[in-house]
Amino acid sequence: MLRPIDIQNKEFEKKIKGYNCDEVDDFLDVVIQDYELLCKENQSLKDKIGLLTETVDRYKQMEATMQKSIEMARMAAEDTRRNAEAEANAILSKAKLDASHLARQIDDEHMKRHREMLAVKQEIEQYKTRIRTHCEGMIKMLDNLE
């Protein structure tokens, strides 16, 4: 690429019917100034492009990191949901088992009380029978006393 200093140091052959050297030099000075400005602007734009490219790359990395974070959060939420569901099922199973044991205990206690009640009824019937027999025996004795 042509540099401004190359334009400035360029020497042309002088010929008899050539261009006016002062006009050419003045024009070249203007060209050099414009060319220097263009080179500086071009470099500035290249620097900006570099910075913007770095920024875009950084944002792409951030986006990838966020995507990974979102995926990890989704997976963690799914694991938490599954764990909560499993824990809820375990609690429910334990509650059903406890309820079954309690129902069995209540049934056993009910049967025990029922047997006790039947035993008491039988004892009462036995007492009634003994008292009746005893009373009948006393009535017979009274009848015999008359």
Protein backbone atom coordinates (compact mmCIF):
# COMPACT_ATOMS: atom_id res chain seq x y z
CA MET A 1 0.00 0.00 0.00
CA LEU A 2 1.22 3.44 -0.88
CA ARG A 3 2.12 5.56 2.12
CA PRO A 4 1.95 9.35 2.30
CA ILE A 5 5.71 9.52 2.70
CA ASP A 6 6.07 7.60 -0.57
CA ILE A 7 4.05 10.29 -2.33
CA GLN A 8 6.05 13.02 -0.68
CA ASN A 9 9.40 11.51 -1.63
CA LYS A 10 8.39 10.72 -5.21
CA GLU A 11 10.62 12.50 -7.71
CA PHE A 12 9.59 13.04 -11.30
CA GLU A 13 11.86 13.60 -14.32
CA LYS A 14 11.92 17.09 -15.61
CA LYS A 15 11.28 17.61 -19.27
CA ILE A 16 11.19 20.68 -21.33
CA LYS A 17 7.53 20.60 -22.14
CA GLY A 18 6.51 19.12 -18.78
CA TYR A 19 4.03 20.31 -16.15
CA ASN A 20 4.67 23.29 -13.91
CA CYS A 21 6.69 21.87 -11.00
CA ASP A 22 5.19 24.21 -8.40
CA GLU A 23 1.65 23.30 -9.42
CA VAL A 24 2.48 19.59 -9.31
CA ASP A 25 4.16 20.00 -5.89
CA ASP A 26 1.20 21.99 -4.51
CA PHE A 27 -1.22 19.40 -5.86
CA LEU A 28 0.85 16.57 -4.41
CA ASP A 29 0.84 18.34 -1.02
CA VAL A 30 -2.95 18.38 -1.10
CA VAL A 31 -3.03 14.74 -2.19
CA ILE A 32 -0.61 13.83 0.65
CA GLN A 33 -2.79 15.59 3.24
CA ASP A 34 -5.95 13.91 1.99
CA TYR A 35 -4.20 10.58 1.73
CA GLU A 36 -2.86 10.90 5.30
CA LEU A 37 -6.38 11.68 6.54
CA LEU A 38 -7.75 8.69 4.66
CA CYS A 39 -5.03 6.43 6.07
CA LYS A 40 -5.70 7.64 9.61
CA GLU A 41 -9.44 7.25 9.15
CA ASN A 42 -8.92 3.80 7.65
CA GLN A 43 -6.75 2.76 10.62
CA SER A 44 -9.28 4.22 13.04
CA LEU A 45 -12.06 2.25 11.35
CA LYS A 46 -9.93 -0.90 11.43
CA ASP A 47 -9.36 -0.34 15.17
CA LYS A 48 -13.11 0.16 15.69
CA ILE A 49 -13.84 -3.00 13.72
CA GLY A 50 -11.35 -4.86 15.91
CA LEU A 51 -12.99 -3.53 19.09
CA LEU A 52 -16.47 -4.29 17.79
CA THR A 53 -15.38 -7.78 16.74
CA GLU A 54 -13.96 -8.37 20.23
CA THR A 55 -17.19 -7.07 21.76
CA VAL A 56 -19.30 -9.31 19.53
CA ASP A 57 -17.10 -12.28 20.45
CA ARG A 58 -17.44 -11.44 24.13
CA TYR A 59 -21.23 -11.21 23.76
CA LYS A 60 -21.28 -14.52 21.92
CA GLN A 61 -19.33 -16.08 24.78
CA MET A 62 -21.74 -14.51 27.27
CA GLU A 63 -24.68 -15.84 25.27
CA ALA A 64 -23.18 -19.33 25.22
CA THR A 65 -22.56 -19.12 28.96
CA MET A 66 -26.14 -17.96 29.55
CA GLN A 67 -27.47 -20.75 27.35
CA LYS A 68 -25.47 -23.27 29.37
CA SER A 69 -26.72 -21.68 32.60
CA ILE A 70 -30.30 -21.82 31.38
CA GLU A 71 -29.89 -25.47 30.41
CA MET A 72 -28.31 -26.27 33.78
CA ALA A 73 -31.13 -24.44 35.58
CA ARG A 74 -33.70 -26.34 33.53
CA MET A 75 -32.00 -29.62 34.35
CA ALA A 76 -31.76 -28.69 38.04
CA ALA A 77 -35.45 -27.74 38.06
CA GLU A 78 -36.32 -31.05 36.41
CA ASP A 79 -34.20 -32.95 38.94
CA THR A 80 -35.83 -31.02 41.78
CA ARG A 81 -39.28 -31.78 40.38
CA ARG A 82 -38.44 -35.48 40.05
CA ASN A 83 -36.96 -35.58 43.55
CA ALA A 84 -39.99 -33.80 44.99
CA GLU A 85 -42.29 -36.19 43.16
CA ALA A 86 -40.34 -39.19 44.45
CA GLU A 87 -40.36 -37.77 47.97
CA ALA A 88 -44.09 -37.09 47.75
CA ASN A 89 -44.68 -40.67 46.57
CA ALA A 90 -42.53 -41.99 49.43
CA ILE A 91 -44.45 -39.88 51.96
CA LEU A 92 -47.75 -41.03 50.49
CA SER A 93 -46.65 -44.68 50.57
CA LYS A 94 -45.51 -44.33 54.18
CA ALA A 95 -48.78 -42.62 55.13
CA LYS A 96 -50.76 -45.42 53.47
CA LEU A 97 -48.65 -48.04 55.26
CA ASP A 98 -49.05 -46.22 58.59
CA ALA A 99 -52.80 -45.93 57.99
CA SER A 100 -52.94 -49.65 57.19
CA HIS A 101 -51.04 -50.51 60.39
CA LEU A 102 -53.28 -48.20 62.41
CA ALA A 103 -56.40 -49.72 60.87
CA ARG A 104 -55.09 -53.19 61.66
CA GLN A 105 -54.36 -52.12 65.25
CA ILE A 106 -57.85 -50.66 65.57
CA ASP A 107 -59.36 -53.85 64.16
CA ASP A 108 -57.27 -55.94 66.53
CA GLU A 109 -58.27 -53.75 69.49
CA HIS A 110 -61.92 -53.91 68.39
CA MET A 111 -61.77 -57.70 68.17
CA LYS A 112 -60.09 -57.87 71.58
CA ARG A 113 -62.78 -55.65 73.14
CA HIS A 114 -65.48 -57.68 71.38
CA ARG A 115 -64.04 -60.92 72.81
CA GLU A 116 -63.82 -59.30 76.25
CA MET A 117 -67.43 -58.16 75.94
CA LEU A 118 -68.52 -61.67 74.93
CA ALA A 119 -66.57 -63.10 77.87
CA VAL A 120 -68.25 -60.62 80.25
CA LYS A 121 -71.68 -61.47 78.76
CA GLN A 122 -70.92 -65.15 79.26
CA GLU A 123 -69.86 -64.49 82.85
CA ILE A 124 -73.06 -62.51 83.43
CA GLU A 125 -75.09 -65.36 81.98
CA GLN A 126 -73.22 -67.77 84.23
CA TYR A 127 -73.89 -65.55 87.28
CA LYS A 128 -77.52 -65.21 86.28
CA THR A 129 -77.76 -68.96 85.89
CA ARG A 130 -76.08 -69.55 89.27
CA ILE A 131 -78.24 -66.91 90.97
CA ARG A 132 -81.35 -68.34 89.32
CA THR A 133 -80.34 -71.83 90.40
CA HIS A 134 -79.53 -70.59 93.86
CA CYS A 135 -82.83 -68.65 94.05
CA GLU A 136 -84.77 -71.65 92.80
CA GLY A 137 -83.03 -73.74 95.43
CA MET A 138 -84.01 -71.25 98.12
CA ILE A 139 -87.59 -71.10 96.86
CA LYS A 140 -87.72 -74.88 97.05
CA MET A 141 -86.33 -74.72 100.56
CA LEU A 142 -88.96 -72.12 101.49
CA ASP A 143 -91.62 -74.23 99.88
CA ASN A 144 -90.41 -77.18 101.88
CA LEU A 145 -90.51 -75.12 105.06
CA GLU A 146 -94.19 -74.45 104.83
